[in-house]
Amino acid sequence: TLIRLLTPENRKLMRVIRDAKPKSVSELARLT
C-alpha cells in the first residue's frame, strides 16, 4: 500500500517540499 504511494511523481513532490520548503500549498503548486 505504501509502496504504491511512492510513485516517481510523489517522490519528486516530497523532494520539492524538503528542499524548497514552500511556505504554503499555493507556493508548492507554483513550484511543481
PDB file of all heavy atoms in Angstrom:
ATOM      1  N   THR A   1       0.834  -1.204   0.000  1.00  0.00           N
ATOM      2  CA  THR A   1       0.000   0.000   0.000  1.00  0.00           C
ATOM      3  C   THR A   1       0.867   1.251   0.000  1.00  0.00           C
ATOM      4  O   THR A   1       0.623   2.196  -0.747  1.00  0.00           O
ATOM      5  CB  THR A   1      -0.927   0.004   1.235  1.00  0.00           C
ATOM      6  OG1 THR A   1      -1.694  -1.193   1.245  1.00  0.00           O
ATOM      7  CG2 THR A   1      -1.843   1.208   1.239  1.00  0.00           C
ATOM      8  N   LEU A   2       1.891   1.254   0.840  1.00  0.00           N
ATOM      9  CA  LEU A   2       2.781   2.416   0.911  1.00  0.00           C
ATOM     10  C   LEU A   2       3.663   2.525  -0.325  1.00  0.00           C
ATOM     11  O   LEU A   2       3.919   3.623  -0.812  1.00  0.00           O
ATOM     12  CB  LEU A   2       3.652   2.336   2.155  1.00  0.00           C
ATOM     13  CG  LEU A   2       2.922   2.563   3.461  1.00  0.00           C
ATOM     14  CD1 LEU A   2       3.888   2.428   4.624  1.00  0.00           C
ATOM     15  CD2 LEU A   2       2.279   3.916   3.489  1.00  0.00           C
ATOM     16  N   ILE A   3       4.119   1.404  -0.809  1.00  0.00           N
ATOM     17  CA  ILE A   3       4.986   1.420  -1.992  1.00  0.00           C
ATOM     18  C   ILE A   3       4.235   2.011  -3.183  1.00  0.00           C
ATOM     19  O   ILE A   3       4.795   2.784  -3.956  1.00  0.00           O
ATOM     20  CB  ILE A   3       5.535   0.014  -2.277  1.00  0.00           C
ATOM     21  CG1 ILE A   3       6.526  -0.368  -1.167  1.00  0.00           C
ATOM     22  CG2 ILE A   3       6.190  -0.062  -3.653  1.00  0.00           C
ATOM     23  CD1 ILE A   3       6.952  -1.818  -1.175  1.00  0.00           C
ATOM     24  N   ARG A   4       2.937   1.690  -3.307  1.00  0.00           N
ATOM     25  CA  ARG A   4       2.129   2.265  -4.405  1.00  0.00           C
ATOM     26  C   ARG A   4       2.017   3.774  -4.282  1.00  0.00           C
ATOM     27  O   ARG A   4       1.882   4.478  -5.268  1.00  0.00           O
ATOM     28  CB  ARG A   4       0.734   1.634  -4.421  1.00  0.00           C
ATOM     29  CG  ARG A   4       0.676   0.279  -5.072  1.00  0.00           C
ATOM     30  CD  ARG A   4      -0.756  -0.154  -5.362  1.00  0.00           C
ATOM     31  NE  ARG A   4      -1.601  -0.219  -4.189  1.00  0.00           N
ATOM     32  CZ  ARG A   4      -1.721  -1.283  -3.396  1.00  0.00           C
ATOM     33  NH1 ARG A   4      -1.028  -2.373  -3.650  1.00  0.00           N
ATOM     34  NH2 ARG A   4      -2.523  -1.247  -2.357  1.00  0.00           N
ATOM     35  N   LEU A   5       2.084   4.297  -3.073  1.00  0.00           N
ATOM     36  CA  LEU A   5       2.012   5.747  -2.862  1.00  0.00           C
ATOM     37  C   LEU A   5       3.320   6.441  -3.253  1.00  0.00           C
ATOM     38  O   LEU A   5       3.326   7.624  -3.587  1.00  0.00           O
ATOM     39  CB  LEU A   5       1.677   6.034  -1.398  1.00  0.00           C
ATOM     40  CG  LEU A   5       1.420   7.469  -0.992  1.00  0.00           C
ATOM     41  CD1 LEU A   5       0.231   8.056  -1.742  1.00  0.00           C
ATOM     42  CD2 LEU A   5       1.176   7.556   0.501  1.00  0.00           C
ATOM     43  N   LEU A   6       4.411   5.699  -3.237  1.00  0.00           N
ATOM     44  CA  LEU A   6       5.723   6.298  -3.521  1.00  0.00           C
ATOM     45  C   LEU A   6       6.042   6.266  -5.015  1.00  0.00           C
ATOM     46  O   LEU A   6       7.083   5.777  -5.440  1.00  0.00           O
ATOM     47  CB  LEU A   6       6.805   5.568  -2.711  1.00  0.00           C
ATOM     48  CG  LEU A   6       6.680   5.739  -1.201  1.00  0.00           C
ATOM     49  CD1 LEU A   6       7.692   4.855  -0.484  1.00  0.00           C
ATOM     50  CD2 LEU A   6       6.857   7.190  -0.806  1.00  0.00           C
ATOM     51  N   THR A   7       5.162   6.831  -5.808  1.00  0.00           N
ATOM     52  CA  THR A   7       5.379   6.929  -7.249  1.00  0.00           C
ATOM     53  C   THR A   7       6.504   7.923  -7.519  1.00  0.00           C
ATOM     54  O   THR A   7       6.827   8.760  -6.659  1.00  0.00           O
ATOM     55  CB  THR A   7       4.102   7.425  -7.962  1.00  0.00           C
ATOM     56  OG1 THR A   7       3.824   8.758  -7.504  1.00  0.00           O
ATOM     57  CG2 THR A   7       2.915   6.511  -7.694  1.00  0.00           C
ATOM     58  N   PRO A   8       7.088   7.891  -8.710  1.00  0.00           N
ATOM     59  CA  PRO A   8       8.115   8.899  -9.033  1.00  0.00           C
ATOM     60  C   PRO A   8       7.598  10.326  -8.875  1.00  0.00           C
ATOM     61  O   PRO A   8       8.319  11.201  -8.390  1.00  0.00           O
ATOM     62  CB  PRO A   8       8.475   8.584 -10.491  1.00  0.00           C
ATOM     63  CG  PRO A   8       8.184   7.124 -10.636  1.00  0.00           C
ATOM     64  CD  PRO A   8       6.972   6.871  -9.763  1.00  0.00           C
ATOM     65  N   GLU A   9       6.338  10.570  -9.254  1.00  0.00           N
ATOM     66  CA  GLU A   9       5.773  11.920  -9.135  1.00  0.00           C
ATOM     67  C   GLU A   9       5.662  12.336  -7.666  1.00  0.00           C
ATOM     68  O   GLU A   9       5.964  13.479  -7.315  1.00  0.00           O
ATOM     69  CB  GLU A   9       4.386  12.000  -9.790  1.00  0.00           C
ATOM     70  CG  GLU A   9       4.398  11.779 -11.292  1.00  0.00           C
ATOM     71  CD  GLU A   9       4.431  10.293 -11.671  1.00  0.00           C
ATOM     72  OE1 GLU A   9       4.124   9.422 -10.820  1.00  0.00           O
ATOM     73  OE2 GLU A   9       4.777  10.005 -12.823  1.00  0.00           O
ATOM     74  N   ASN A  10       5.224  11.421  -6.809  1.00  0.00           N
ATOM     75  CA  ASN A  10       5.087  11.760  -5.392  1.00  0.00           C
ATOM     76  C   ASN A  10       6.451  11.918  -4.723  1.00  0.00           C
ATOM     77  O   ASN A  10       6.614  12.754  -3.832  1.00  0.00           O
ATOM     78  CB  ASN A  10       4.247  10.709  -4.666  1.00  0.00           C
ATOM     79  CG  ASN A  10       2.781  10.794  -5.035  1.00  0.00           C
ATOM     80  OD1 ASN A  10       2.347  11.752  -5.671  1.00  0.00           O
ATOM     81  ND2 ASN A  10       2.019   9.789  -4.667  1.00  0.00           N
ATOM     82  N   ARG A  11       7.439  11.148  -5.151  1.00  0.00           N
ATOM     83  CA  ARG A  11       8.793  11.322  -4.608  1.00  0.00           C
ATOM     84  C   ARG A  11       9.356  12.676  -5.016  1.00  0.00           C
ATOM     85  O   ARG A  11       9.997  13.358  -4.218  1.00  0.00           O
ATOM     86  CB  ARG A  11       9.708  10.202  -5.081  1.00  0.00           C
ATOM     87  CG  ARG A  11       9.403   8.879  -4.438  1.00  0.00           C
ATOM     88  CD  ARG A  11      10.302   7.814  -5.002  1.00  0.00           C
ATOM     89  NE  ARG A  11       9.974   6.542  -4.399  1.00  0.00           N
ATOM     90  CZ  ARG A  11      10.824   5.546  -4.316  1.00  0.00           C
ATOM     91  NH1 ARG A  11      12.053   5.664  -4.777  1.00  0.00           N
ATOM     92  NH2 ARG A  11      10.455   4.409  -3.772  1.00  0.00           N
ATOM     93  N   LYS A  12       9.102  13.073  -6.244  1.00  0.00           N
ATOM     94  CA  LYS A  12       9.564  14.392  -6.694  1.00  0.00           C
ATOM     95  C   LYS A  12       8.879  15.490  -5.880  1.00  0.00           C
ATOM     96  O   LYS A  12       9.526  16.448  -5.451  1.00  0.00           O
ATOM     97  CB  LYS A  12       9.266  14.572  -8.184  1.00  0.00           C
ATOM     98  CG  LYS A  12       9.735  15.893  -8.740  1.00  0.00           C
ATOM     99  CD  LYS A  12       9.422  16.018 -10.215  1.00  0.00           C
ATOM    100  CE  LYS A  12       9.852  17.382 -10.719  1.00  0.00           C
ATOM    101  NZ  LYS A  12       9.452  17.599 -12.112  1.00  0.00           N
ATOM    102  N   LEU A  13       7.579  15.325  -5.636  1.00  0.00           N
ATOM    103  CA  LEU A  13       6.827  16.289  -4.835  1.00  0.00           C
ATOM    104  C   LEU A  13       7.415  16.386  -3.427  1.00  0.00           C
ATOM    105  O   LEU A  13       7.643  17.484  -2.912  1.00  0.00           O
ATOM    106  CB  LEU A  13       5.356  15.872  -4.766  1.00  0.00           C
ATOM    107  CG  LEU A  13       4.448  16.698  -3.867  1.00  0.00           C
ATOM    108  CD1 LEU A  13       4.355  18.145  -4.359  1.00  0.00           C
ATOM    109  CD2 LEU A  13       3.064  16.059  -3.810  1.00  0.00           C
ATOM    110  N   MET A  14       7.699  15.246  -2.809  1.00  0.00           N
ATOM    111  CA  MET A  14       8.266  15.264  -1.461  1.00  0.00           C
ATOM    112  C   MET A  14       9.668  15.886  -1.456  1.00  0.00           C
ATOM    113  O   MET A  14      10.036  16.566  -0.515  1.00  0.00           O
ATOM    114  CB  MET A  14       8.291  13.851  -0.872  1.00  0.00           C
ATOM    115  CG  MET A  14       6.891  13.359  -0.535  1.00  0.00           C
ATOM    116  SD  MET A  14       6.806  11.853   0.460  1.00  0.00           S
ATOM    117  CE  MET A  14       7.711  10.695  -0.513  1.00  0.00           C
ATOM    118  N   ARG A  15      10.430  15.687  -2.528  1.00  0.00           N
ATOM    119  CA  ARG A  15      11.754  16.306  -2.625  1.00  0.00           C
ATOM    120  C   ARG A  15      11.629  17.827  -2.700  1.00  0.00           C
ATOM    121  O   ARG A  15      12.387  18.554  -2.061  1.00  0.00           O
ATOM    122  CB  ARG A  15      12.516  15.760  -3.833  1.00  0.00           C
ATOM    123  CG  ARG A  15      13.958  16.263  -3.905  1.00  0.00           C
ATOM    124  CD  ARG A  15      14.793  15.603  -4.999  1.00  0.00           C
ATOM    125  NE  ARG A  15      14.148  15.584  -6.301  1.00  0.00           N
ATOM    126  CZ  ARG A  15      13.694  14.480  -6.915  1.00  0.00           C
ATOM    127  NH1 ARG A  15      13.808  13.308  -6.355  1.00  0.00           N
ATOM    128  NH2 ARG A  15      13.121  14.559  -8.096  1.00  0.00           N
ATOM    129  N   VAL A  16      10.653  18.316  -3.464  1.00  0.00           N
ATOM    130  CA  VAL A  16      10.424  19.766  -3.552  1.00  0.00           C
ATOM    131  C   VAL A  16      10.033  20.312  -2.178  1.00  0.00           C
ATOM    132  O   VAL A  16      10.536  21.357  -1.748  1.00  0.00           O
ATOM    133  CB  VAL A  16       9.354  20.105  -4.612  1.00  0.00           C
ATOM    134  CG1 VAL A  16       8.957  21.576  -4.550  1.00  0.00           C
ATOM    135  CG2 VAL A  16       9.857  19.753  -6.007  1.00  0.00           C
ATOM    136  N   ILE A  17       9.175  19.588  -1.461  1.00  0.00           N
ATOM    137  CA  ILE A  17       8.780  20.031  -0.116  1.00  0.00           C
ATOM    138  C   ILE A  17       9.998  20.097   0.789  1.00  0.00           C
ATOM    139  O   ILE A  17      10.190  21.070   1.511  1.00  0.00           O
ATOM    140  CB  ILE A  17       7.704  19.092   0.472  1.00  0.00           C
ATOM    141  CG1 ILE A  17       6.398  19.214  -0.320  1.00  0.00           C
ATOM    142  CG2 ILE A  17       7.469  19.384   1.949  1.00  0.00           C
ATOM    143  CD1 ILE A  17       5.369  18.145   0.007  1.00  0.00           C
ATOM    144  N   ARG A  18      10.831  19.067   0.745  1.00  0.00           N
ATOM    145  CA  ARG A  18      12.020  19.033   1.607  1.00  0.00           C
ATOM    146  C   ARG A  18      13.033  20.110   1.240  1.00  0.00           C
ATOM    147  O   ARG A  18      13.545  20.824   2.100  1.00  0.00           O
ATOM    148  CB  ARG A  18      12.687  17.654   1.499  1.00  0.00           C
ATOM    149  CG  ARG A  18      13.928  17.521   2.382  1.00  0.00           C
ATOM    150  CD  ARG A  18      14.779  16.340   2.006  1.00  0.00           C
ATOM    151  NE  ARG A  18      15.324  16.538   0.672  1.00  0.00           N
ATOM    152  CZ  ARG A  18      15.854  15.563  -0.063  1.00  0.00           C
ATOM    153  NH1 ARG A  18      15.887  14.337   0.393  1.00  0.00           N
ATOM    154  NH2 ARG A  18      16.329  15.817  -1.258  1.00  0.00           N
ATOM    155  N   ASP A  19      13.311  20.261  -0.050  1.00  0.00           N
ATOM    156  CA  ASP A  19      14.400  21.148  -0.476  1.00  0.00           C
ATOM    157  C   ASP A  19      13.985  22.616  -0.603  1.00  0.00           C
ATOM    158  O   ASP A  19      14.730  23.504  -0.210  1.00  0.00           O
ATOM    159  CB  ASP A  19      14.988  20.656  -1.797  1.00  0.00           C
ATOM    160  CG  ASP A  19      15.630  19.288  -1.679  1.00  0.00           C
ATOM    161  OD1 ASP A  19      15.871  18.826  -0.538  1.00  0.00           O
ATOM    162  OD2 ASP A  19      15.886  18.658  -2.731  1.00  0.00           O
ATOM    163  N   ALA A  20      12.804  22.870  -1.158  1.00  0.00           N
ATOM    164  CA  ALA A  20      12.374  24.256  -1.384  1.00  0.00           C
ATOM    165  C   ALA A  20      11.678  24.849  -0.164  1.00  0.00           C
ATOM    166  O   ALA A  20      11.556  26.060  -0.053  1.00  0.00           O
ATOM    167  CB  ALA A  20      11.454  24.330  -2.601  1.00  0.00           C
ATOM    168  N   LYS A  21      11.197  24.003   0.733  1.00  0.00           N
ATOM    169  CA  LYS A  21      10.498  24.453   1.949  1.00  0.00           C
ATOM    170  C   LYS A  21       9.426  25.504   1.622  1.00  0.00           C
ATOM    171  O   LYS A  21       9.480  26.641   2.103  1.00  0.00           O
ATOM    172  CB  LYS A  21      11.488  24.994   2.970  1.00  0.00           C
ATOM    173  CG  LYS A  21      12.461  23.947   3.474  1.00  0.00           C
ATOM    174  CD  LYS A  21      13.492  24.567   4.395  1.00  0.00           C
ATOM    175  CE  LYS A  21      14.486  23.571   4.911  1.00  0.00           C
ATOM    176  NZ  LYS A  21      15.117  22.674   3.985  1.00  0.00           N
ATOM    177  N   PRO A  22       8.436  25.130   0.796  1.00  0.00           N
ATOM    178  CA  PRO A  22       7.397  26.105   0.430  1.00  0.00           C
ATOM    179  C   PRO A  22       6.641  26.590   1.664  1.00  0.00           C
ATOM    180  O   PRO A  22       6.437  25.844   2.621  1.00  0.00           O
ATOM    181  CB  PRO A  22       6.476  25.316  -0.507  1.00  0.00           C
ATOM    182  CG  PRO A  22       6.732  23.887  -0.178  1.00  0.00           C
ATOM    183  CD  PRO A  22       8.152  23.802   0.272  1.00  0.00           C
ATOM    184  N   LYS A  23       6.258  27.839   1.642  1.00  0.00           N
ATOM    185  CA  LYS A  23       5.577  28.471   2.773  1.00  0.00           C
ATOM    186  C   LYS A  23       4.065  28.261   2.743  1.00  0.00           C
ATOM    187  O   LYS A  23       3.364  28.672   3.657  1.00  0.00           O
ATOM    188  CB  LYS A  23       5.870  29.970   2.791  1.00  0.00           C
ATOM    189  CG  LYS A  23       7.344  30.296   2.840  1.00  0.00           C
ATOM    190  CD  LYS A  23       7.948  29.916   4.184  1.00  0.00           C
ATOM    191  CE  LYS A  23       9.385  30.354   4.275  1.00  0.00           C
ATOM    192  NZ  LYS A  23      10.322  29.292   4.472  1.00  0.00           N
ATOM    193  N   SER A  24       3.556  27.645   1.649  1.00  0.00           N
ATOM    194  CA  SER A  24       2.118  27.394   1.543  1.00  0.00           C
ATOM    195  C   SER A  24       1.877  26.365   0.443  1.00  0.00           C
ATOM    196  O   SER A  24       2.763  26.068  -0.366  1.00  0.00           O
ATOM    197  CB  SER A  24       1.372  28.678   1.192  1.00  0.00           C
ATOM    198  OG  SER A  24       1.713  29.108  -0.110  1.00  0.00           O
ATOM    199  N   VAL A  25       0.657  25.844   0.410  1.00  0.00           N
ATOM    200  CA  VAL A  25       0.275  24.916  -0.649  1.00  0.00           C
ATOM    201  C   VAL A  25       0.253  25.657  -1.985  1.00  0.00           C
ATOM    202  O   VAL A  25       0.636  25.103  -3.008  1.00  0.00           O
ATOM    203  CB  VAL A  25      -1.086  24.256  -0.334  1.00  0.00           C
ATOM    204  CG1 VAL A  25      -1.586  23.430  -1.511  1.00  0.00           C
ATOM    205  CG2 VAL A  25      -0.986  23.392   0.919  1.00  0.00           C
ATOM    206  N   SER A  26      -0.154  26.914  -1.969  1.00  0.00           N
ATOM    207  CA  SER A  26      -0.171  27.708  -3.211  1.00  0.00           C
ATOM    208  C   SER A  26       1.232  27.831  -3.794  1.00  0.00           C
ATOM    209  O   SER A  26       1.430  27.677  -5.007  1.00  0.00           O
ATOM    210  CB  SER A  26      -0.730  29.106  -2.954  1.00  0.00           C
ATOM    211  OG  SER A  26      -2.043  29.027  -2.503  1.00  0.00           O
ATOM    212  N   GLU A  27       2.203  28.096  -2.932  1.00  0.00           N
ATOM    213  CA  GLU A  27       3.587  28.189  -3.403  1.00  0.00           C
ATOM    214  C   GLU A  27       4.062  26.847  -3.947  1.00  0.00           C
ATOM    215  O   GLU A  27       4.726  26.780  -4.983  1.00  0.00           O
ATOM    216  CB  GLU A  27       4.507  28.649  -2.275  1.00  0.00           C
ATOM    217  CG  GLU A  27       5.961  28.800  -2.706  1.00  0.00           C
ATOM    218  CD  GLU A  27       6.879  29.222  -1.569  1.00  0.00           C
ATOM    219  OE1 GLU A  27       6.392  29.680  -0.513  1.00  0.00           O
ATOM    220  OE2 GLU A  27       8.107  29.082  -1.758  1.00  0.00           O
ATOM    221  N   LEU A  28       3.697  25.766  -3.280  1.00  0.00           N
ATOM    222  CA  LEU A  28       4.071  24.429  -3.753  1.00  0.00           C
ATOM    223  C   LEU A  28       3.439  24.132  -5.108  1.00  0.00           C
ATOM    224  O   LEU A  28       4.092  23.565  -5.982  1.00  0.00           O
ATOM    225  CB  LEU A  28       3.662  23.367  -2.719  1.00  0.00           C
ATOM    226  CG  LEU A  28       4.012  21.928  -3.066  1.00  0.00           C
ATOM    227  CD1 LEU A  28       5.521  21.749  -3.244  1.00  0.00           C
ATOM    228  CD2 LEU A  28       3.484  20.985  -1.984  1.00  0.00           C
ATOM    229  N   ALA A  29       2.197  24.554  -5.304  1.00  0.00           N
ATOM    230  CA  ALA A  29       1.527  24.361  -6.599  1.00  0.00           C
ATOM    231  C   ALA A  29       2.289  25.093  -7.700  1.00  0.00           C
ATOM    232  O   ALA A  29       2.483  24.553  -8.798  1.00  0.00           O
ATOM    233  CB  ALA A  29       0.078  24.848  -6.525  1.00  0.00           C
ATOM    234  N   ARG A  30       2.749  26.319  -7.406  1.00  0.00           N
ATOM    235  CA  ARG A  30       3.529  27.067  -8.405  1.00  0.00           C
ATOM    236  C   ARG A  30       4.862  26.379  -8.693  1.00  0.00           C
ATOM    237  O   ARG A  30       5.290  26.280  -9.835  1.00  0.00           O
ATOM    238  CB  ARG A  30       3.777  28.500  -7.931  1.00  0.00           C
ATOM    239  CG  ARG A  30       2.565  29.413  -8.053  1.00  0.00           C
ATOM    240  CD  ARG A  30       2.912  30.878  -7.814  1.00  0.00           C
ATOM    241  NE  ARG A  30       3.533  31.136  -6.532  1.00  0.00           N
ATOM    242  CZ  ARG A  30       2.881  31.311  -5.385  1.00  0.00           C
ATOM    243  NH1 ARG A  30       1.561  31.258  -5.369  1.00  0.00           N
ATOM    244  NH2 ARG A  30       3.520  31.555  -4.265  1.00  0.00           N
ATOM    245  N   LEU A  31       5.522  25.895  -7.643  1.00  0.00           N
ATOM    246  CA  LEU A  31       6.829  25.255  -7.811  1.00  0.00           C
ATOM    247  C   LEU A  31       6.744  23.964  -8.624  1.00  0.00           C
ATOM    248  O   LEU A  31       7.671  23.623  -9.353  1.00  0.00           O
ATOM    249  CB  LEU A  31       7.457  24.948  -6.445  1.00  0.00           C
ATOM    250  CG  LEU A  31       7.930  26.129  -5.619  1.00  0.00           C
ATOM    251  CD1 LEU A  31       8.271  25.685  -4.200  1.00  0.00           C
ATOM    252  CD2 LEU A  31       9.142  26.784  -6.280  1.00  0.00           C
ATOM    253  N   THR A  32       5.634  23.238  -8.461  1.00  0.00           N
ATOM    254  CA  THR A  32       5.506  21.930  -9.110  1.00  0.00           C
ATOM    255  C   THR A  32       4.658  21.963 -10.371  1.00  0.00           C
ATOM    256  O   THR A  32       4.538  20.948 -11.050  1.00  0.00           O
ATOM    257  CB  THR A  32       4.892  20.908  -8.131  1.00  0.00           C
ATOM    258  OG1 THR A  32       3.610  21.376  -7.697  1.00  0.00           O
ATOM    259  CG2 THR A  32       5.802  20.675  -6.936  1.00  0.00           C
TER     260      THR A  32
END
